[in-house]
């Protein structure tokens, strides 16, 4: 697979929902446009390393909790 087509999976939407944080509030905290958060959540845009680390820091979790090169298991499904 070409490098520009590699998928980065994320749990941004799940983390936002667990904490009742809107896209707009997250975007404001990160200093990005709220649509950028939507693009990230849908996998239409891969974050820079700096942005990925800022997102993880915002949620106070390790970056690998938020991002992965492999799909995350669906919630409630056996691993």
C-alpha atoms as a PDB file:
ATOM      1  CA  UNK A   1       0.000   0.000   0.000  1.00  0.00           C
ATOM      2  CA  UNK A   2       1.443   3.425  -0.857  1.00  0.00           C
ATOM      3  CA  UNK A   3       2.546   5.506   2.124  1.00  0.00           C
ATOM      4  CA  UNK A   4       0.008   8.250   1.365  1.00  0.00           C
ATOM      5  CA  UNK A   5      -2.855   5.715   1.549  1.00  0.00           C
ATOM      6  CA  UNK A   6      -1.938   4.181   4.911  1.00  0.00           C
ATOM      7  CA  UNK A   7      -4.806   4.351   7.365  1.00  0.00           C
ATOM      8  CA  UNK A   8      -4.401   5.683  10.890  1.00  0.00           C
ATOM      9  CA  UNK A   9      -7.245   4.541  13.120  1.00  0.00           C
ATOM     10  CA  UNK A  10      -8.365   6.570  16.109  1.00  0.00           C
ATOM     11  CA  UNK A  11     -10.717   6.673  19.069  1.00  0.00           C
ATOM     12  CA  UNK A  12     -11.226  10.426  19.172  1.00  0.00           C
ATOM     13  CA  UNK A  13     -15.020  10.192  18.855  1.00  0.00           C
ATOM     14  CA  UNK A  14     -15.207   7.566  21.613  1.00  0.00           C
ATOM     15  CA  UNK A  15     -13.024   9.612  23.942  1.00  0.00           C
ATOM     16  CA  UNK A  16     -15.065  12.742  23.222  1.00  0.00           C
ATOM     17  CA  UNK A  17     -18.346  10.920  23.853  1.00  0.00           C
ATOM     18  CA  UNK A  18     -17.110   9.409  27.129  1.00  0.00           C
ATOM     19  CA  UNK A  19     -16.226  12.884  28.353  1.00  0.00           C
ATOM     20  CA  UNK A  20     -19.196  14.752  26.796  1.00  0.00           C
ATOM     21  CA  UNK A  21     -16.865  17.018  24.804  1.00  0.00           C
ATOM     22  CA  UNK A  22     -18.112  18.602  21.580  1.00  0.00           C
ATOM     23  CA  UNK A  23     -16.037  18.717  18.412  1.00  0.00           C
ATOM     24  CA  UNK A  24     -15.984  22.475  18.718  1.00  0.00           C
ATOM     25  CA  UNK A  25     -14.692  22.385  22.305  1.00  0.00           C
ATOM     26  CA  UNK A  26     -11.964  19.895  21.405  1.00  0.00           C
ATOM     27  CA  UNK A  27     -10.986  21.933  18.362  1.00  0.00           C
ATOM     28  CA  UNK A  28     -10.759  25.106  20.440  1.00  0.00           C
ATOM     29  CA  UNK A  29      -8.566  23.370  23.023  1.00  0.00           C
ATOM     30  CA  UNK A  30      -6.276  22.061  20.273  1.00  0.00           C
ATOM     31  CA  UNK A  31      -6.215  25.274  18.248  1.00  0.00           C
ATOM     32  CA  UNK A  32      -7.665  23.688  15.106  1.00  0.00           C
ATOM     33  CA  UNK A  33     -10.879  24.196  13.121  1.00  0.00           C
ATOM     34  CA  UNK A  34     -13.787  22.077  14.369  1.00  0.00           C
ATOM     35  CA  UNK A  35     -14.079  20.466  10.927  1.00  0.00           C
ATOM     36  CA  UNK A  36     -10.528  19.167  11.343  1.00  0.00           C
ATOM     37  CA  UNK A  37     -11.712  17.133  14.322  1.00  0.00           C
ATOM     38  CA  UNK A  38     -14.447  15.624  12.122  1.00  0.00           C
ATOM     39  CA  UNK A  39     -11.940  14.801   9.382  1.00  0.00           C
ATOM     40  CA  UNK A  40      -9.700  13.118  11.945  1.00  0.00           C
ATOM     41  CA  UNK A  41     -12.556  11.109  13.450  1.00  0.00           C
ATOM     42  CA  UNK A  42     -13.661   9.848  10.035  1.00  0.00           C
ATOM     43  CA  UNK A  43     -10.109   8.974   8.994  1.00  0.00           C
ATOM     44  CA  UNK A  44     -10.169  11.507   6.155  1.00  0.00           C
ATOM     45  CA  UNK A  45      -7.084  13.194   7.572  1.00  0.00           C
ATOM     46  CA  UNK A  46      -4.112  11.807   9.501  1.00  0.00           C
ATOM     47  CA  UNK A  47      -2.748  14.088  12.188  1.00  0.00           C
ATOM     48  CA  UNK A  48       0.815  15.295  12.361  1.00  0.00           C
ATOM     49  CA  UNK A  49       2.844  13.744  15.149  1.00  0.00           C
ATOM     50  CA  UNK A  50       2.591  17.020  17.053  1.00  0.00           C
ATOM     51  CA  UNK A  51      -1.211  17.118  16.785  1.00  0.00           C
ATOM     52  CA  UNK A  52      -1.518  13.424  17.716  1.00  0.00           C
ATOM     53  CA  UNK A  53       0.536  14.026  20.859  1.00  0.00           C
ATOM     54  CA  UNK A  54      -1.530  17.116  21.737  1.00  0.00           C
ATOM     55  CA  UNK A  55      -4.759  15.117  21.354  1.00  0.00           C
ATOM     56  CA  UNK A  56      -3.430  12.357  23.615  1.00  0.00           C
ATOM     57  CA  UNK A  57      -2.272  14.934  26.162  1.00  0.00           C
ATOM     58  CA  UNK A  58      -5.681  16.634  26.085  1.00  0.00           C
ATOM     59  CA  UNK A  59      -7.384  13.331  26.959  1.00  0.00           C
ATOM     60  CA  UNK A  60      -4.572  12.470  29.423  1.00  0.00           C
ATOM     61  CA  UNK A  61      -3.934   9.069  27.833  1.00  0.00           C
ATOM     62  CA  UNK A  62      -0.978   7.524  25.993  1.00  0.00           C
ATOM     63  CA  UNK A  63      -0.987   8.252  22.259  1.00  0.00           C
ATOM     64  CA  UNK A  64      -1.502   4.542  21.469  1.00  0.00           C
ATOM     65  CA  UNK A  65      -4.843   4.681  23.312  1.00  0.00           C
ATOM     66  CA  UNK A  66      -6.023   7.261  20.770  1.00  0.00           C
ATOM     67  CA  UNK A  67      -4.247   6.165  17.565  1.00  0.00           C
ATOM     68  CA  UNK A  68      -3.313   2.846  15.965  1.00  0.00           C
ATOM     69  CA  UNK A  69      -2.114   1.457  12.647  1.00  0.00           C
ATOM     70  CA  UNK A  70      -4.614  -1.393  13.116  1.00  0.00           C
ATOM     71  CA  UNK A  71      -8.375  -1.114  13.549  1.00  0.00           C
ATOM     72  CA  UNK A  72      -9.522  -0.962  17.159  1.00  0.00           C
ATOM     73  CA  UNK A  73     -11.873  -3.761  18.258  1.00  0.00           C
ATOM     74  CA  UNK A  74     -15.485  -2.661  18.283  1.00  0.00           C
ATOM     75  CA  UNK A  75     -16.835  -1.884  21.729  1.00  0.00           C
ATOM     76  CA  UNK A  76     -18.510  -4.923  23.233  1.00  0.00           C
ATOM     77  CA  UNK A  77     -16.916  -7.399  20.812  1.00  0.00           C
ATOM     78  CA  UNK A  78     -14.615 -10.193  22.025  1.00  0.00           C
ATOM     79  CA  UNK A  79     -10.945  -9.436  21.460  1.00  0.00           C
END
